[in-house]
Amino acid sequence: MSPRILEVNVRFNSPTADLEEACGQAAFAVTESPGLCWKFWWVKADHDAGGIYEFESETAARAYLAGPIMAALQSSPAVRNISTKLIDAPESHTAITRGPLEQVKSPGM
């Protein structure tokens, strides 16, 4: 099973402080997402925001995309122009550059 990176980008209509508060509340729900290894959040003052996630598998990433957190984001009047990308994460190259991929190995490997 190879890790998958998910990139989510949005444009937001609310003040940055409101978005940061909403993200703070959502962070706890995101941590409960099955197969999530980590998420990096980002917000720019020009109304762009998003996140980079690592999931244990493509199945887990696709489940997140089809789940309630993304549904809530898509129905929010505070965001628009949601884009997502599901990306392969070559572990060997990422390890060389000290990327934070969780490398789940079976015992003895």
PDB file of N, CA and C in Angstrom:
ATOM      1  N   MET A   1       0.850  -1.171   0.000  1.00  0.00           N
ATOM      2  CA  MET A   1       0.000   0.000   0.000  1.00  0.00           C
ATOM      3  C   MET A   1       0.897   1.235   0.000  1.00  0.00           C
ATOM      4  N   SER A   2       0.713   2.098  -0.971  1.00  0.00           N
ATOM      5  CA  SER A   2       1.530   3.297  -1.109  1.00  0.00           C
ATOM      6  C   SER A   2       0.769   4.515  -0.593  1.00  0.00           C
ATOM      7  N   PRO A   3       1.446   5.391   0.135  1.00  0.00           N
ATOM      8  CA  PRO A   3       0.768   6.591   0.622  1.00  0.00           C
ATOM      9  C   PRO A   3       0.296   7.464  -0.533  1.00  0.00           C
ATOM     10  N   ARG A   4      -0.763   8.207  -0.285  1.00  0.00           N
ATOM     11  CA  ARG A   4      -1.292   9.137  -1.269  1.00  0.00           C
ATOM     12  C   ARG A   4      -1.353  10.529  -0.658  1.00  0.00           C
ATOM     13  N   ILE A   5      -1.006  11.491  -1.469  1.00  0.00           N
ATOM     14  CA  ILE A   5      -1.087  12.888  -1.067  1.00  0.00           C
ATOM     15  C   ILE A   5      -2.352  13.468  -1.696  1.00  0.00           C
ATOM     16  N   LEU A   6      -3.095  14.202  -0.903  1.00  0.00           N
ATOM     17  CA  LEU A   6      -4.282  14.896  -1.370  1.00  0.00           C
ATOM     18  C   LEU A   6      -4.041  16.386  -1.201  1.00  0.00           C
ATOM     19  N   GLU A   7      -4.287  17.144  -2.254  1.00  0.00           N
ATOM     20  CA  GLU A   7      -4.181  18.601  -2.195  1.00  0.00           C
ATOM     21  C   GLU A   7      -5.590  19.172  -2.373  1.00  0.00           C
ATOM     22  N   VAL A   8      -6.009  20.036  -1.448  1.00  0.00           N
ATOM     23  CA  VAL A   8      -7.303  20.702  -1.534  1.00  0.00           C
ATOM     24  C   VAL A   8      -7.048  22.202  -1.467  1.00  0.00           C
ATOM     25  N   ASN A   9      -7.609  22.938  -2.430  1.00  0.00           N
ATOM     26  CA  ASN A   9      -7.467  24.393  -2.473  1.00  0.00           C
ATOM     27  C   ASN A   9      -8.841  25.020  -2.579  1.00  0.00           C
ATOM     28  N   VAL A  10      -9.033  26.161  -1.904  1.00  0.00           N
ATOM     29  CA  VAL A  10     -10.308  26.879  -1.948  1.00  0.00           C
ATOM     30  C   VAL A  10     -10.054  28.382  -1.990  1.00  0.00           C
ATOM     31  N   ARG A  11     -11.056  29.102  -2.426  1.00  0.00           N
ATOM     32  CA  ARG A  11     -11.111  30.557  -2.272  1.00  0.00           C
ATOM     33  C   ARG A  11     -12.176  30.791  -1.208  1.00  0.00           C
ATOM     34  N   PHE A  12     -11.930  31.708  -0.283  1.00  0.00           N
ATOM     35  CA  PHE A  12     -12.913  31.961   0.763  1.00  0.00           C
ATOM     36  C   PHE A  12     -13.393  33.403   0.714  1.00  0.00           C
ATOM     37  N   ASN A  13     -14.649  33.596   1.137  1.00  0.00           N
ATOM     38  CA  ASN A  13     -15.313  34.892   1.077  1.00  0.00           C
ATOM     39  C   ASN A  13     -15.311  35.633   2.403  1.00  0.00           C
ATOM     40  N   SER A  14     -14.950  34.976   3.472  1.00  0.00           N
ATOM     41  CA  SER A  14     -15.039  35.563   4.805  1.00  0.00           C
ATOM     42  C   SER A  14     -13.703  36.180   5.215  1.00  0.00           C
ATOM     43  N   PRO A  15     -13.711  36.974   6.282  1.00  0.00           N
ATOM     44  CA  PRO A  15     -12.436  37.483   6.806  1.00  0.00           C
ATOM     45  C   PRO A  15     -11.523  36.320   7.217  1.00  0.00           C
ATOM     46  N   THR A  16     -10.236  36.519   7.076  1.00  0.00           N
ATOM     47  CA  THR A  16      -9.264  35.474   7.405  1.00  0.00           C
ATOM     48  C   THR A  16      -9.446  34.963   8.831  1.00  0.00           C
ATOM     49  N   ALA A  17      -9.738  35.850   9.776  1.00  0.00           N
ATOM     50  CA  ALA A  17      -9.921  35.426  11.171  1.00  0.00           C
ATOM     51  C   ALA A  17     -11.088  34.447  11.301  1.00  0.00           C
ATOM     52  N   ASP A  18     -12.165  34.669  10.557  1.00  0.00           N
ATOM     53  CA  ASP A  18     -13.303  33.753  10.597  1.00  0.00           C
ATOM     54  C   ASP A  18     -12.922  32.389  10.029  1.00  0.00           C
ATOM     55  N   LEU A  19     -12.173  32.404   8.930  1.00  0.00           N
ATOM     56  CA  LEU A  19     -11.733  31.148   8.325  1.00  0.00           C
ATOM     57  C   LEU A  19     -10.831  30.390   9.290  1.00  0.00           C
ATOM     58  N   GLU A  20      -9.897  31.079   9.915  1.00  0.00           N
ATOM     59  CA  GLU A  20      -8.988  30.408  10.841  1.00  0.00           C
ATOM     60  C   GLU A  20      -9.744  29.805  12.018  1.00  0.00           C
ATOM     61  N   GLU A  21     -10.782  30.474  12.495  1.00  0.00           N
ATOM     62  CA  GLU A  21     -11.585  29.921  13.587  1.00  0.00           C
ATOM     63  C   GLU A  21     -12.315  28.656  13.121  1.00  0.00           C
ATOM     64  N   ALA A  22     -12.902  28.716  11.923  1.00  0.00           N
ATOM     65  CA  ALA A  22     -13.608  27.549  11.392  1.00  0.00           C
ATOM     66  C   ALA A  22     -12.650  26.383  11.186  1.00  0.00           C
ATOM     67  N   CYS A  23     -11.457  26.665  10.686  1.00  0.00           N
ATOM     68  CA  CYS A  23     -10.457  25.603  10.481  1.00  0.00           C
ATOM     69  C   CYS A  23     -10.032  24.995  11.808  1.00  0.00           C
ATOM     70  N   GLY A  24      -9.900  25.829  12.823  1.00  0.00           N
ATOM     71  CA  GLY A  24      -9.538  25.324  14.149  1.00  0.00           C
ATOM     72  C   GLY A  24     -10.562  24.341  14.674  1.00  0.00           C
ATOM     73  N   GLN A  25     -11.825  24.635  14.431  1.00  0.00           N
ATOM     74  CA  GLN A  25     -12.895  23.729  14.852  1.00  0.00           C
ATOM     75  C   GLN A  25     -12.889  22.458  14.005  1.00  0.00           C
ATOM     76  N   ALA A  26     -12.645  22.602  12.711  1.00  0.00           N
ATOM     77  CA  ALA A  26     -12.649  21.450  11.809  1.00  0.00           C
ATOM     78  C   ALA A  26     -11.454  20.530  12.040  1.00  0.00           C
ATOM     79  N   ALA A  27     -10.367  21.065  12.554  1.00  0.00           N
ATOM     80  CA  ALA A  27      -9.142  20.274  12.719  1.00  0.00           C
ATOM     81  C   ALA A  27      -9.382  19.019  13.546  1.00  0.00           C
ATOM     82  N   PHE A  28     -10.211  19.119  14.564  1.00  0.00           N
ATOM     83  CA  PHE A  28     -10.468  17.949  15.402  1.00  0.00           C
ATOM     84  C   PHE A  28     -11.208  16.858  14.620  1.00  0.00           C
ATOM     85  N   ALA A  29     -12.149  17.259  13.770  1.00  0.00           N
ATOM     86  CA  ALA A  29     -12.855  16.280  12.937  1.00  0.00           C
ATOM     87  C   ALA A  29     -11.907  15.656  11.917  1.00  0.00           C
ATOM     88  N   VAL A  30     -11.026  16.460  11.348  1.00  0.00           N
ATOM     89  CA  VAL A  30     -10.075  15.947  10.357  1.00  0.00           C
ATOM     90  C   VAL A  30      -9.183  14.884  10.979  1.00  0.00           C
ATOM     91  N   THR A  31      -8.765  15.074  12.217  1.00  0.00           N
ATOM     92  CA  THR A  31      -7.881  14.092  12.863  1.00  0.00           C
ATOM     93  C   THR A  31      -8.523  12.718  12.995  1.00  0.00           C
ATOM     94  N   GLU A  32      -9.848  12.661  12.956  1.00  0.00           N
ATOM     95  CA  GLU A  32     -10.564  11.383  13.086  1.00  0.00           C
ATOM     96  C   GLU A  32     -10.754  10.679  11.744  1.00  0.00           C
ATOM     97  N   SER A  33     -10.266  11.257  10.667  1.00  0.00           N
ATOM     98  CA  SER A  33     -10.445  10.667   9.332  1.00  0.00           C
ATOM     99  C   SER A  33      -9.653   9.366   9.216  1.00  0.00           C
ATOM    100  N   PRO A  34     -10.330   8.269   8.899  1.00  0.00           N
ATOM    101  CA  PRO A  34      -9.627   6.987   8.765  1.00  0.00           C
ATOM    102  C   PRO A  34      -8.524   7.063   7.705  1.00  0.00           C
ATOM    103  N   GLY A  35      -7.364   6.568   8.059  1.00  0.00           N
ATOM    104  CA  GLY A  35      -6.244   6.514   7.130  1.00  0.00           C
ATOM    105  C   GLY A  35      -5.442   7.793   7.006  1.00  0.00           C
ATOM    106  N   LEU A  36      -5.828   8.855   7.715  1.00  0.00           N
ATOM    107  CA  LEU A  36      -5.079  10.108   7.650  1.00  0.00           C
ATOM    108  C   LEU A  36      -3.784   9.986   8.462  1.00  0.00           C
ATOM    109  N   CYS A  37      -2.663  10.320   7.839  1.00  0.00           N
ATOM    110  CA  CYS A  37      -1.376  10.340   8.544  1.00  0.00           C
ATOM    111  C   CYS A  37      -1.106  11.739   9.103  1.00  0.00           C
ATOM    112  N   TRP A  38      -1.318  12.770   8.272  1.00  0.00           N
ATOM    113  CA  TRP A  38      -1.119  14.155   8.694  1.00  0.00           C
ATOM    114  C   TRP A  38      -1.785  15.097   7.703  1.00  0.00           C
ATOM    115  N   LYS A  39      -1.948  16.337   8.143  1.00  0.00           N
ATOM    116  CA  LYS A  39      -2.442  17.396   7.272  1.00  0.00           C
ATOM    117  C   LYS A  39      -1.648  18.664   7.555  1.00  0.00           C
ATOM    118  N   PHE A  40      -1.259  19.357   6.505  1.00  0.00           N
ATOM    119  CA  PHE A  40      -0.617  20.666   6.583  1.00  0.00           C
ATOM    120  C   PHE A  40      -1.653  21.673   6.087  1.00  0.00           C
ATOM    121  N   TRP A  41      -1.968  22.679   6.897  1.00  0.00           N
ATOM    122  CA  TRP A  41      -2.947  23.712   6.545  1.00  0.00           C
ATOM    123  C   TRP A  41      -2.207  24.942   6.043  1.00  0.00           C
ATOM    124  N   TRP A  42      -2.841  25.694   5.163  1.00  0.00           N
ATOM    125  CA  TRP A  42      -2.277  26.977   4.753  1.00  0.00           C
ATOM    126  C   TRP A  42      -3.404  27.969   4.460  1.00  0.00           C
ATOM    127  N   VAL A  43      -3.137  29.239   4.754  1.00  0.00           N
ATOM    128  CA  VAL A  43      -4.080  30.330   4.511  1.00  0.00           C
ATOM    129  C   VAL A  43      -3.278  31.530   4.042  1.00  0.00           C
ATOM    130  N   LYS A  44      -3.748  32.173   2.976  1.00  0.00           N
ATOM    131  CA  LYS A  44      -3.129  33.403   2.484  1.00  0.00           C
ATOM    132  C   LYS A  44      -4.126  34.544   2.664  1.00  0.00           C
ATOM    133  N   ALA A  45      -3.621  35.728   2.909  1.00  0.00           N
ATOM    134  CA  ALA A  45      -4.474  36.885   3.150  1.00  0.00           C
ATOM    135  C   ALA A  45      -5.326  37.263   1.943  1.00  0.00           C
ATOM    136  N   ASP A  46      -4.969  36.799   0.758  1.00  0.00           N
ATOM    137  CA  ASP A  46      -5.741  37.163  -0.433  1.00  0.00           C
ATOM    138  C   ASP A  46      -6.898  36.191  -0.709  1.00  0.00           C
ATOM    139  N   HIS A  47      -7.389  35.553   0.343  1.00  0.00           N
ATOM    140  CA  HIS A  47      -8.565  34.692   0.279  1.00  0.00           C
ATOM    141  C   HIS A  47      -8.332  33.339  -0.385  1.00  0.00           C
ATOM    142  N   ASP A  48      -7.117  32.855  -0.348  1.00  0.00           N
ATOM    143  CA  ASP A  48      -6.804  31.492  -0.776  1.00  0.00           C
ATOM    144  C   ASP A  48      -6.484  30.675   0.468  1.00  0.00           C
ATOM    145  N   ALA A  49      -6.891  29.422   0.468  1.00  0.00           N
ATOM    146  CA  ALA A  49      -6.583  28.525   1.582  1.00  0.00           C
ATOM    147  C   ALA A  49      -6.570  27.099   1.056  1.00  0.00           C
ATOM    148  N   GLY A  50      -6.083  26.205   1.874  1.00  0.00           N
ATOM    149  CA  GLY A  50      -6.092  24.809   1.469  1.00  0.00           C
ATOM    150  C   GLY A  50      -5.334  23.936   2.432  1.00  0.00           C
ATOM    151  N   GLY A  51      -5.073  22.744   1.966  1.00  0.00           N
ATOM    152  CA  GLY A  51      -4.353  21.796   2.786  1.00  0.00           C
ATOM    153  C   GLY A  51      -3.703  20.728   1.935  1.00  0.00           C
ATOM    154  N   ILE A  52      -2.656  20.159   2.490  1.00  0.00           N
ATOM    155  CA  ILE A  52      -1.972  19.013   1.915  1.00  0.00           C
ATOM    156  C   ILE A  52      -2.098  17.905   2.960  1.00  0.00           C
ATOM    157  N   TYR A  53      -2.572  16.755   2.525  1.00  0.00           N
ATOM    158  CA  TYR A  53      -2.815  15.629   3.417  1.00  0.00           C
ATOM    159  C   TYR A  53      -1.996  14.436   2.956  1.00  0.00           C
ATOM    160  N   GLU A  54      -1.614  13.600   3.898  1.00  0.00           N
ATOM    161  CA  GLU A  54      -1.102  12.286   3.542  1.00  0.00           C
ATOM    162  C   GLU A  54      -2.074  11.257   4.091  1.00  0.00           C
ATOM    163  N   PHE A  55      -2.496  10.360   3.214  1.00  0.00           N
ATOM    164  CA  PHE A  55      -3.331   9.234   3.606  1.00  0.00           C
ATOM    165  C   PHE A  55      -2.554   7.947   3.386  1.00  0.00           C
ATOM    166  N   GLU A  56      -2.906   6.941   4.149  1.00  0.00           N
ATOM    167  CA  GLU A  56      -2.228   5.639   4.041  1.00  0.00           C
ATOM    168  C   GLU A  56      -2.446   4.981   2.686  1.00  0.00           C
ATOM    169  N   SER A  57      -3.554   5.315   2.025  1.00  0.00           N
ATOM    170  CA  SER A  57      -3.877   4.649   0.764  1.00  0.00           C
ATOM    171  C   SER A  57      -4.790   5.536  -0.080  1.00  0.00           C
ATOM    172  N   GLU A  58      -4.903   5.171  -1.337  1.00  0.00           N
ATOM    173  CA  GLU A  58      -5.832   5.875  -2.220  1.00  0.00           C
ATOM    174  C   GLU A  58      -7.268   5.681  -1.747  1.00  0.00           C
ATOM    175  N   THR A  59      -7.571   4.497  -1.247  1.00  0.00           N
ATOM    176  CA  THR A  59      -8.920   4.212  -0.742  1.00  0.00           C
ATOM    177  C   THR A  59      -9.292   5.171   0.377  1.00  0.00           C
ATOM    178  N   ALA A  60      -8.373   5.400   1.315  1.00  0.00           N
ATOM    179  CA  ALA A  60      -8.637   6.317   2.429  1.00  0.00           C
ATOM    180  C   ALA A  60      -8.803   7.752   1.935  1.00  0.00           C
ATOM    181  N   ALA A  61      -7.974   8.160   0.979  1.00  0.00           N
ATOM    182  CA  ALA A  61      -8.067   9.520   0.437  1.00  0.00           C
ATOM    183  C   ALA A  61      -9.395   9.715  -0.290  1.00  0.00           C
ATOM    184  N   ARG A  62      -9.795   8.736  -1.070  1.00  0.00           N
ATOM    185  CA  ARG A  62     -11.072   8.848  -1.800  1.00  0.00           C
ATOM    186  C   ARG A  62     -12.263   8.846  -0.836  1.00  0.00           C
ATOM    187  N   ALA A  63     -12.161   8.090   0.241  1.00  0.00           N
ATOM    188  CA  ALA A  63     -13.222   8.086   1.250  1.00  0.00           C
ATOM    189  C   ALA A  63     -13.343   9.468   1.897  1.00  0.00           C
ATOM    190  N   TYR A  64     -12.211  10.104   2.157  1.00  0.00           N
ATOM    191  CA  TYR A  64     -12.226  11.463   2.717  1.00  0.00           C
ATOM    192  C   TYR A  64     -12.907  12.431   1.742  1.00  0.00           C
ATOM    193  N   LEU A  65     -12.554  12.329   0.463  1.00  0.00           N
ATOM    194  CA  LEU A  65     -13.156  13.203  -0.549  1.00  0.00           C
ATOM    195  C   LEU A  65     -14.670  13.011  -0.639  1.00  0.00           C
ATOM    196  N   ALA A  66     -15.146  11.793  -0.413  1.00  0.00           N
ATOM    197  CA  ALA A  66     -16.576  11.489  -0.497  1.00  0.00           C
ATOM    198  C   ALA A  66     -17.292  11.644   0.845  1.00  0.00           C
ATOM    199  N   GLY A  67     -16.550  12.016   1.887  1.00  0.00           N
ATOM    200  CA  GLY A  67     -17.099  12.028   3.234  1.00  0.00           C
ATOM    201  C   GLY A  67     -17.721  13.341   3.675  1.00  0.00           C
ATOM    202  N   PRO A  68     -18.111  13.379   4.937  1.00  0.00           N
ATOM    203  CA  PRO A  68     -18.857  14.522   5.466  1.00  0.00           C
ATOM    204  C   PRO A  68     -18.061  15.824   5.578  1.00  0.00           C
ATOM    205  N   ILE A  69     -16.760  15.753   5.780  1.00  0.00           N
ATOM    206  CA  ILE A  69     -15.971  16.991   5.897  1.00  0.00           C
ATOM    207  C   ILE A  69     -15.938  17.719   4.563  1.00  0.00           C
ATOM    208  N   MET A  70     -15.676  16.983   3.492  1.00  0.00           N
ATOM    209  CA  MET A  70     -15.670  17.616   2.171  1.00  0.00           C
ATOM    210  C   MET A  70     -17.075  18.056   1.768  1.00  0.00           C
ATOM    211  N   ALA A  71     -18.091  17.291   2.132  1.00  0.00           N
ATOM    212  CA  ALA A  71     -19.470  17.694   1.826  1.00  0.00           C
ATOM    213  C   ALA A  71     -19.806  19.016   2.512  1.00  0.00           C
ATOM    214  N   ALA A  72     -19.384  19.163   3.754  1.00  0.00           N
ATOM    215  CA  ALA A  72     -19.636  20.418   4.477  1.00  0.00           C
ATOM    216  C   ALA A  72     -18.886  21.571   3.830  1.00  0.00           C
ATOM    217  N   LEU A  73     -17.654  21.327   3.413  1.00  0.00           N
ATOM    218  CA  LEU A  73     -16.872  22.367   2.744  1.00  0.00           C
ATOM    219  C   LEU A  73     -17.556  22.786   1.440  1.00  0.00           C
ATOM    220  N   GLN A  74     -18.011  21.810   0.674  1.00  0.00           N
ATOM    221  CA  GLN A  74     -18.642  22.103  -0.616  1.00  0.00           C
ATOM    222  C   GLN A  74     -19.967  22.844  -0.466  1.00  0.00           C
ATOM    223  N   SER A  75     -20.648  22.650   0.649  1.00  0.00           N
ATOM    224  CA  SER A  75     -21.937  23.324   0.845  1.00  0.00           C
ATOM    225  C   SER A  75     -21.808  24.656   1.580  1.00  0.00           C
ATOM    226  N   SER A  76     -20.609  25.001   1.994  1.00  0.00           N
ATOM    227  CA  SER A  76     -20.408  26.243   2.740  1.00  0.00           C
ATOM    228  C   SER A  76     -20.504  27.460   1.815  1.00  0.00           C
ATOM    229  N   PRO A  77     -21.289  28.460   2.206  1.00  0.00           N
ATOM    230  CA  PRO A  77     -21.351  29.682   1.404  1.00  0.00           C
ATOM    231  C   PRO A  77     -20.085  30.536   1.545  1.00  0.00           C
ATOM    232  N   ALA A  78     -19.225  30.177   2.481  1.00  0.00           N
ATOM    233  CA  ALA A  78     -18.002  30.955   2.722  1.00  0.00           C
ATOM    234  C   ALA A  78     -16.852  30.564   1.799  1.00  0.00           C
ATOM    235  N   VAL A  79     -17.000  29.477   1.050  1.00  0.00           N
ATOM    236  CA  VAL A  79     -15.922  29.041   0.156  1.00  0.00           C
ATOM    237  C   VAL A  79     -16.446  28.839  -1.255  1.00  0.00           C
ATOM    238  N   ARG A  80     -15.527  28.945  -2.208  1.00  0.00           N
ATOM    239  CA  ARG A  80     -15.853  28.711  -3.614  1.00  0.00           C
ATOM    240  C   ARG A  80     -14.602  28.194  -4.314  1.00  0.00           C
ATOM    241  N   ASN A  81     -14.749  27.794  -5.539  1.00  0.00           N
ATOM    242  CA  ASN A  81     -13.621  27.330  -6.352  1.00  0.00           C
ATOM    243  C   ASN A  81     -12.794  26.261  -5.642  1.00  0.00           C
ATOM    244  N   ILE A  82     -13.450  25.228  -5.186  1.00  0.00           N
ATOM    245  CA  ILE A  82     -12.749  24.119  -4.533  1.00  0.00           C
ATOM    246  C   ILE A  82     -12.107  23.252  -5.607  1.00  0.00           C
ATOM    247  N   SER A  83     -10.827  22.987  -5.439  1.00  0.00           N
ATOM    248  CA  SER A  83     -10.142  22.068  -6.346  1.00  0.00           C
ATOM    249  C   SER A  83      -9.405  21.025  -5.524  1.00  0.00           C
ATOM    250  N   THR A  84      -9.343  19.820  -6.060  1.00  0.00           N
ATOM    251  CA  THR A  84      -8.644  18.731  -5.373  1.00  0.00           C
ATOM    252  C   THR A  84      -7.750  18.002  -6.359  1.00  0.00           C
ATOM    253  N   LYS A  85      -6.655  17.470  -5.836  1.00  0.00           N
ATOM    254  CA  LYS A  85      -5.746  16.626  -6.620  1.00  0.00           C
ATOM    255  C   LYS A  85      -5.317  15.468  -5.739  1.00  0.00           C
ATOM    256  N   LEU A  86      -5.380  14.275  -6.276  1.00  0.00           N
ATOM    257  CA  LEU A  86      -4.881  13.088  -5.597  1.00  0.00           C
ATOM    258  C   LEU A  86      -3.572  12.720  -6.276  1.00  0.00           C
ATOM    259  N   ILE A  87      -2.501  12.662  -5.503  1.00  0.00           N
ATOM    260  CA  ILE A  87      -1.153  12.584  -6.048  1.00  0.00           C
ATOM    261  C   ILE A  87      -0.422  11.360  -5.500  1.00  0.00           C
ATOM    262  N   ASP A  88       0.267  10.637  -6.381  1.00  0.00           N
ATOM    263  CA  ASP A  88       1.157   9.566  -5.927  1.00  0.00           C
ATOM    264  C   ASP A  88       2.331  10.192  -5.186  1.00  0.00           C
ATOM    265  N   ALA A  89       2.835   9.502  -4.199  1.00  0.00           N
ATOM    266  CA  ALA A  89       3.963   9.995  -3.417  1.00  0.00           C
ATOM    267  C   ALA A  89       5.119   9.009  -3.526  1.00  0.00           C
ATOM    268  N   PRO A  90       6.063   9.241  -4.444  1.00  0.00           N
ATOM    269  CA  PRO A  90       7.208   8.330  -4.563  1.00  0.00           C
ATOM    270  C   PRO A  90       8.042   8.346  -3.275  1.00  0.00           C
ATOM    271  N   GLU A  91       7.942   7.284  -2.509  1.00  0.00           N
ATOM    272  CA  GLU A  91       8.586   7.247  -1.197  1.00  0.00           C
ATOM    273  C   GLU A  91      10.099   7.376  -1.265  1.00  0.00           C
ATOM    274  N   SER A  92      10.749   6.767  -2.250  1.00  0.00           N
ATOM    275  CA  SER A  92      12.216   6.792  -2.282  1.00  0.00           C
ATOM    276  C   SER A  92      12.743   8.215  -2.474  1.00  0.00           C
ATOM    277  N   HIS A  93      12.162   8.966  -3.402  1.00  0.00           N
ATOM    278  CA  HIS A  93      12.612  10.338  -3.636  1.00  0.00           C
ATOM    279  C   HIS A  93      12.256  11.238  -2.452  1.00  0.00           C
ATOM    280  N   THR A  94      11.063  11.037  -1.909  1.00  0.00           N
ATOM    281  CA  THR A  94      10.606  11.854  -0.790  1.00  0.00           C
ATOM    282  C   THR A  94      11.473  11.612   0.448  1.00  0.00           C
ATOM    283  N   ALA A  95      11.893  10.382   0.656  1.00  0.00           N
ATOM    284  CA  ALA A  95      12.761  10.075   1.799  1.00  0.00           C
ATOM    285  C   ALA A  95      14.100  10.806   1.677  1.00  0.00           C
ATOM    286  N   ILE A  96      14.638  10.879   0.473  1.00  0.00           N
ATOM    287  CA  ILE A  96      15.923  11.568   0.263  1.00  0.00           C
ATOM    288  C   ILE A  96      15.822  13.038   0.661  1.00  0.00           C
ATOM    289  N   THR A  97      14.682  13.654   0.354  1.00  0.00           N
ATOM    290  CA  THR A  97      14.506  15.082   0.651  1.00  0.00           C
ATOM    291  C   THR A  97      13.805  15.318   1.988  1.00  0.00           C
ATOM    292  N   ARG A  98      13.785  14.298   2.822  1.00  0.00           N
ATOM    293  CA  ARG A  98      13.244  14.345   4.182  1.00  0.00           C
ATOM    294  C   ARG A  98      11.760  14.695   4.244  1.00  0.00           C
ATOM    295  N   GLY A  99      10.991  14.267   3.246  1.00  0.00           N
ATOM    296  CA  GLY A  99       9.542  14.454   3.268  1.00  0.00           C
ATOM    297  C   GLY A  99       8.935  13.676   4.415  1.00  0.00           C
ATOM    298  N   PRO A 100       7.832  14.161   4.958  1.00  0.00           N
ATOM    299  CA  PRO A 100       7.264  13.545   6.168  1.00  0.00           C
ATOM    300  C   PRO A 100       6.358  12.354   5.904  1.00  0.00           C
ATOM    301  N   LEU A 101       6.594  11.604   4.834  1.00  0.00           N
ATOM    302  CA  LEU A 101       5.736  10.455   4.572  1.00  0.00           C
ATOM    303  C   LEU A 101       5.868   9.423   5.682  1.00  0.00           C
ATOM    304  N   GLU A 102       4.715   8.939   6.110  1.00  0.00           N
ATOM    305  CA  GLU A 102       4.689   7.858   7.089  1.00  0.00           C
ATOM    306  C   GLU A 102       4.984   6.582   6.323  1.00  0.00           C
ATOM    307  N   GLN A 103       6.060   5.936   6.665  1.00  0.00           N
ATOM    308  CA  GLN A 103       6.417   4.718   5.948  1.00  0.00           C
ATOM    309  C   GLN A 103       6.062   3.534   6.822  1.00  0.00           C
ATOM    310  N   VAL A 104       4.899   2.974   6.546  1.00  0.00           N
ATOM    311  CA  VAL A 104       4.411   1.826   7.304  1.00  0.00           C
ATOM    312  C   VAL A 104       5.035   0.583   6.706  1.00  0.00           C
ATOM    313  N   LYS A 105       5.845  -0.061   7.458  1.00  0.00           N
ATOM    314  CA  LYS A 105       6.549  -1.263   7.012  1.00  0.00           C
ATOM    315  C   LYS A 105       6.125  -2.426   7.897  1.00  0.00           C
ATOM    316  N   SER A 106       6.092  -3.583   7.325  1.00  0.00           N
ATOM    317  CA  SER A 106       5.784  -4.741   8.141  1.00  0.00           C
ATOM    318  C   SER A 106       7.029  -5.150   8.917  1.00  0.00           C
ATOM    319  N   PRO A 107       6.877  -5.849  10.044  1.00  0.00           N
ATOM    320  CA  PRO A 107       8.028  -6.243  10.853  1.00  0.00           C
ATOM    321  C   PRO A 107       9.049  -7.005  10.012  1.00  0.00           C
ATOM    322  N   GLY A 108      10.315  -6.718  10.262  1.00  0.00           N
ATOM    323  CA  GLY A 108      11.385  -7.389   9.571  1.00  0.00           C
ATOM    324  C   GLY A 108      11.820  -6.703   8.305  1.00  0.00           C
ATOM    325  N   MET A 109      11.160  -5.636   7.915  1.00  0.00           N
ATOM    326  CA  MET A 109      11.542  -4.932   6.698  1.00  0.00           C
ATOM    327  C   MET A 109      12.551  -3.858   6.985  1.00  0.00           C
TER     328      MET A 109
END
